[in-house]
Amino acid sequence: MRIRAAAPAELPLLQDIERAAGEPFRTLGMAAIADDDPLPLDVLEAYRSAGRAWVAVDAADRPVAYLLTDTVDGAAHIEQVSVHPDAARRGVGRALIEHLAAAAREQGLAALTLTTFTEVPWNAPYYTRLGFRPLSDTDPALTEGLRAISRAEAAHGLSVWPRVCMRRELVRDAG
């Protein structure tokens, strides 16, 4: 699996990947998530131009998944990770997250964070398998930045379904 920076011409394809990745939510009674618009092209371009948008590509160098990241309170925050259903269950999402973990270590960041649905099998249970842990309301690792993200998601209507902030510590290389 090759991972590289997203190219400007690929941004509409990232929107298509997000739409396709949202469709399985419909089977869980979460049609509003499936119907949610992908991020606008100008927002995707801001991530891309800042070096914070990566794609996983197939043998023809066509994106099949992508990851967007921000830095929130000293951690690399996964803003979005989407895998096209045709590429699902092949380690593509894991590869993108491990790519981010390596880049975050190089930048001296302490952890990876994200927010996700607790009861969607390919969300919180999946991230737990990748080494993330849920953050309770009293956990000191639940930073003000993560709380602000959670509030913004609630304002967008995502809190209709149970959500959680999660964190994975990054082990520093010895040496």
Protein backbone atom coordinates (compact mmCIF):
# COMPACT_ATOMS: atom_id res chain seq x y z
CA MET A 1 0.00 0.00 0.00
CA ARG A 2 1.55 3.27 -1.12
CA ILE A 3 0.73 6.44 0.78
CA ARG A 4 1.55 9.88 -0.56
CA ALA A 5 0.43 13.47 -0.37
CA ALA A 6 -2.87 14.25 -2.04
CA ALA A 7 -2.64 16.09 -5.37
CA PRO A 8 -4.84 19.10 -6.18
CA ALA A 9 -6.66 17.34 -9.04
CA GLU A 10 -7.61 14.47 -6.70
CA LEU A 11 -9.66 16.53 -4.27
CA PRO A 12 -13.02 15.82 -6.00
CA LEU A 13 -12.13 12.12 -5.83
CA LEU A 14 -11.64 12.48 -2.05
CA GLN A 15 -15.20 13.78 -1.87
CA ASP A 16 -16.36 10.71 -3.81
CA ILE A 17 -14.47 8.43 -1.42
CA GLU A 18 -16.11 10.13 1.56
CA ARG A 19 -19.58 9.76 0.02
CA ALA A 20 -18.98 6.05 -0.68
CA ALA A 21 -17.50 5.48 2.79
CA GLY A 22 -20.59 7.05 4.32
CA GLU A 23 -23.05 4.69 2.64
CA PRO A 24 -22.60 1.79 5.12
CA PHE A 25 -23.90 4.07 7.89
CA ARG A 26 -27.30 3.86 6.22
CA THR A 27 -27.54 0.16 7.19
CA LEU A 28 -27.17 1.19 10.86
CA GLY A 29 -30.07 3.64 10.74
CA MET A 30 -27.68 6.58 10.40
CA ALA A 31 -28.92 7.97 7.08
CA ALA A 32 -28.04 11.51 8.14
CA ILE A 33 -24.37 10.49 8.26
CA ALA A 34 -24.60 8.79 4.88
CA ASP A 35 -26.28 11.90 3.44
CA ASP A 36 -23.85 14.39 5.03
CA ASP A 37 -21.96 16.42 2.44
CA PRO A 38 -18.22 15.80 2.19
CA LEU A 39 -15.84 18.57 3.06
CA PRO A 40 -15.85 21.38 0.46
CA LEU A 41 -13.01 21.55 -2.05
CA ASP A 42 -11.57 24.72 -0.49
CA VAL A 43 -11.31 23.00 2.91
CA LEU A 44 -9.68 19.93 1.33
CA GLU A 45 -7.27 22.24 -0.51
CA ALA A 46 -6.33 23.95 2.76
CA TYR A 47 -5.41 20.55 4.24
CA ARG A 48 -3.55 19.55 1.08
CA SER A 49 -1.57 22.78 0.74
CA ALA A 50 -0.59 22.58 4.42
CA GLY A 51 0.76 19.04 3.93
CA ARG A 52 -1.96 17.52 6.11
CA ALA A 53 -3.81 15.37 3.52
CA TRP A 54 -2.56 11.92 2.56
CA VAL A 55 -3.97 9.34 0.20
CA ALA A 56 -3.56 5.60 -0.03
CA VAL A 57 -3.39 4.65 -3.70
CA ASP A 58 -3.99 1.51 -5.73
CA ALA A 59 -1.62 0.00 -8.30
CA ALA A 60 -2.75 2.61 -10.84
CA ASP A 61 -1.84 5.42 -8.37
CA ARG A 62 -5.53 6.26 -7.89
CA PRO A 63 -6.62 7.18 -4.34
CA VAL A 64 -8.78 4.59 -2.57
CA ALA A 65 -8.63 6.25 0.87
CA TYR A 66 -7.49 9.44 2.53
CA LEU A 67 -6.62 10.96 5.90
CA LEU A 68 -6.75 14.58 7.04
CA THR A 69 -4.98 15.72 10.18
CA ASP A 70 -4.76 18.75 12.45
CA THR A 71 -2.55 19.41 15.46
CA VAL A 72 -4.67 19.74 18.60
CA ASP A 73 -3.08 20.34 22.00
CA GLY A 74 0.24 18.67 21.12
CA ALA A 75 -1.30 15.66 19.39
CA ALA A 76 -1.91 14.73 15.76
CA HIS A 77 -5.70 14.78 15.51
CA ILE A 78 -7.31 12.65 12.82
CA GLU A 79 -9.90 14.99 11.39
CA GLN A 80 -11.10 12.54 8.76
CA VAL A 81 -10.13 9.09 7.55
CA SER A 82 -12.21 7.56 4.78
CA VAL A 83 -11.71 4.30 2.90
CA HIS A 84 -13.71 3.48 -0.19
CA PRO A 85 -15.79 0.34 0.51
CA ASP A 86 -14.12 -1.41 -2.45
CA ALA A 87 -10.80 -1.12 -0.57
CA ALA A 88 -12.16 -1.85 2.92
CA ARG A 89 -10.88 -4.63 5.17
CA ARG A 90 -7.43 -4.63 3.57
CA GLY A 91 -5.49 -2.61 6.14
CA VAL A 92 -5.75 0.63 4.18
CA GLY A 93 -7.09 2.71 7.09
CA ARG A 94 -4.51 1.18 9.42
CA ALA A 95 -1.73 2.03 6.96
CA LEU A 96 -2.85 5.67 6.79
CA ILE A 97 -2.99 5.89 10.59
CA GLU A 98 0.47 4.32 10.95
CA HIS A 99 1.79 6.79 8.36
CA LEU A 100 0.38 9.62 10.47
CA ALA A 101 1.86 8.10 13.64
CA ALA A 102 5.34 8.07 12.06
CA ALA A 103 4.99 11.67 10.85
CA ALA A 104 3.68 12.79 14.26
CA ARG A 105 6.64 11.15 16.03
CA GLU A 106 9.02 13.00 13.69
CA GLN A 107 7.28 16.26 14.65
CA GLY A 108 7.66 15.46 18.35
CA LEU A 109 3.93 15.07 18.97
CA ALA A 110 2.88 12.97 21.95
CA ALA A 111 -0.19 11.17 20.65
CA LEU A 112 -2.83 10.62 18.02
CA THR A 113 -6.40 11.67 18.82
CA LEU A 114 -9.77 11.41 17.14
CA THR A 115 -13.48 11.57 17.78
CA THR A 116 -15.77 8.80 16.61
CA PHE A 117 -19.02 6.91 17.06
CA THR A 118 -18.91 4.44 19.95
CA GLU A 119 -21.38 1.90 18.56
CA VAL A 120 -20.31 1.70 14.90
CA PRO A 121 -18.18 -1.44 14.41
CA TRP A 122 -15.73 0.28 12.04
CA ASN A 123 -15.37 3.27 14.38
CA ALA A 124 -14.55 3.06 18.14
CA PRO A 125 -14.14 -0.76 18.27
CA TYR A 126 -11.81 -0.58 15.27
CA TYR A 127 -9.73 2.23 16.75
CA THR A 128 -9.47 0.33 20.03
CA ARG A 129 -7.87 -2.54 18.08
CA LEU A 130 -5.38 0.01 16.71
CA GLY A 131 -4.32 1.03 20.22
CA PHE A 132 -6.60 4.01 20.88
CA ARG A 133 -8.32 4.34 24.24
CA PRO A 134 -11.56 6.17 25.01
CA LEU A 135 -11.26 9.35 27.07
CA SER A 136 -13.78 9.87 29.86
CA ASP A 137 -15.00 13.35 30.78
CA THR A 138 -12.61 13.37 33.75
CA ASP A 139 -9.53 12.07 31.91
CA PRO A 140 -6.78 14.72 31.93
CA ALA A 141 -5.96 13.70 28.34
CA LEU A 142 -9.36 15.08 27.28
CA THR A 143 -7.94 18.48 26.44
CA GLU A 144 -9.77 21.72 25.88
CA GLY A 145 -9.13 21.38 22.15
CA LEU A 146 -10.79 17.96 22.06
CA ARG A 147 -13.70 19.28 24.10
CA ALA A 148 -14.12 22.11 21.56
CA ILE A 149 -14.14 19.61 18.69
CA SER A 150 -16.80 17.57 20.49
CA ARG A 151 -18.92 20.68 21.02
CA ALA A 152 -18.63 21.60 17.32
CA GLU A 153 -19.61 18.06 16.30
CA ALA A 154 -22.62 18.20 18.62
CA ALA A 155 -23.65 21.51 17.05
CA HIS A 156 -23.43 19.79 13.65
CA GLY A 157 -25.86 17.13 14.91
CA LEU A 158 -23.44 14.25 15.38
CA SER A 159 -24.28 13.81 19.07
CA VAL A 160 -27.59 12.17 18.13
CA TRP A 161 -25.51 8.96 18.27
CA PRO A 162 -23.03 8.19 21.10
CA ARG A 163 -19.57 9.59 20.38
CA VAL A 164 -16.23 9.45 22.15
CA CYS A 165 -12.83 11.14 22.02
CA MET A 166 -9.97 8.64 21.76
CA ARG A 167 -6.21 8.86 22.18
CA ARG A 168 -3.22 6.70 21.30
CA GLU A 169 0.10 7.53 22.89
CA LEU A 170 3.09 7.60 20.57
CA VAL A 171 6.14 5.71 21.74
CA ARG A 172 9.32 7.62 21.07
CA ASP A 173 12.13 5.83 19.29
CA ALA A 174 15.04 5.04 21.61
CA GLY A 175 18.23 6.80 20.77
